[in-house]
Amino acid sequence: MKQELKQYLKIGTLLLGIALFSNSCQKDDDFKATEQNQTINQTDFKISKVGRSNLEENTKLNSKLTKLSKSLKNNKSNTF
């Protein structure tokens, strides 16, 4: 009788532990998903693909890239 009670107690404790463990893991997953959604919604940037023809038409961008390219070349030549 005592051994049966001990076994039931062990099985009950094991099932309770498994239930608590699985429940806490599920809450972690929900928290991570909510956190990711919040960080996605907070960005002010828009991401889209742009073709080469659209880039070539953008004169402001081309002038800034040219200046950047020249300054990088000057920095490389000054280091050697």
Protein backbone atom coordinates (compact mmCIF):
# COMPACT_ATOMS: atom_id res chain seq x y z
CA MET A 1 0.00 0.00 0.00
CA LYS A 2 2.78 2.44 0.92
CA GLN A 3 4.72 1.55 -2.23
CA GLU A 4 1.69 2.22 -4.45
CA LEU A 5 1.16 5.56 -2.78
CA LYS A 6 4.84 6.44 -3.27
CA GLN A 7 4.64 5.48 -6.95
CA TYR A 8 1.49 7.54 -7.48
CA LEU A 9 3.18 10.46 -5.74
CA LYS A 10 6.28 10.11 -7.96
CA ILE A 11 4.20 9.87 -11.14
CA GLY A 12 2.06 12.82 -10.05
CA THR A 13 5.14 14.91 -9.31
CA LEU A 14 6.66 13.98 -12.66
CA LEU A 15 3.50 14.89 -14.57
CA LEU A 16 3.18 18.17 -12.68
CA GLY A 17 6.81 19.02 -13.47
CA ILE A 18 6.35 18.24 -17.17
CA ALA A 19 3.17 20.34 -17.29
CA LEU A 20 4.86 23.32 -15.63
CA PHE A 21 7.94 23.02 -17.82
CA SER A 22 5.95 22.90 -21.06
CA ASN A 23 3.75 25.79 -19.96
CA SER A 24 6.74 28.00 -19.11
CA CYS A 25 8.41 27.24 -22.46
CA GLN A 26 5.22 28.18 -24.28
CA LYS A 27 5.15 31.53 -22.50
CA ASP A 28 8.77 32.18 -23.53
CA ASP A 29 7.88 31.55 -27.18
CA ASP A 30 4.92 33.92 -26.97
CA PHE A 31 7.13 36.58 -25.38
CA LYS A 32 9.77 36.25 -28.11
CA ALA A 33 7.16 36.52 -30.86
CA THR A 34 5.63 39.62 -29.26
CA GLU A 35 9.07 41.18 -28.81
CA GLN A 36 9.97 40.58 -32.46
CA ASN A 37 6.69 42.10 -33.66
CA GLN A 38 7.30 45.21 -31.57
CA THR A 39 10.81 45.73 -32.94
CA ILE A 40 9.58 45.28 -36.52
CA ASN A 41 6.83 47.87 -36.05
CA GLN A 42 9.20 50.44 -34.54
CA THR A 43 11.47 50.92 -37.56
CA ASP A 44 11.14 54.03 -39.70
CA PHE A 45 12.84 52.50 -42.72
CA LYS A 46 11.18 51.08 -45.77
CA ILE A 47 12.92 48.23 -47.54
CA SER A 48 12.35 47.63 -51.22
CA LYS A 49 14.29 46.41 -54.23
CA VAL A 50 15.43 49.05 -56.68
CA GLY A 51 16.63 48.38 -60.18
CA ARG A 52 19.86 49.72 -61.64
CA SER A 53 18.00 52.08 -64.00
CA ASN A 54 16.27 53.75 -61.02
CA LEU A 55 19.64 54.23 -59.31
CA GLU A 56 21.19 55.77 -62.41
CA GLU A 57 18.32 58.26 -62.66
CA ASN A 58 18.86 59.48 -59.09
CA THR A 59 21.33 62.34 -59.56
CA LYS A 60 21.72 63.21 -55.87
CA LEU A 61 22.62 59.67 -55.02
CA ASN A 62 25.08 59.42 -57.91
CA SER A 63 26.88 62.61 -56.89
CA LYS A 64 27.18 61.47 -53.26
CA LEU A 65 28.42 58.04 -54.30
CA THR A 66 30.99 59.62 -56.60
CA LYS A 67 32.27 61.82 -53.76
CA LEU A 68 32.41 58.84 -51.45
CA SER A 69 34.27 56.77 -54.01
CA LYS A 70 36.83 59.55 -54.56
CA SER A 71 37.39 60.00 -50.83
CA LEU A 72 37.88 56.25 -50.38
CA LYS A 73 40.42 56.19 -53.21
CA ASN A 74 42.28 59.12 -51.65
CA ASN A 75 42.34 57.38 -48.27
CA LYS A 76 43.70 54.20 -49.81
CA SER A 77 46.43 56.03 -51.69
CA ASN A 78 47.44 57.96 -48.56
CA THR A 79 47.87 54.82 -46.47
CA PHE A 80 50.43 53.21 -48.77
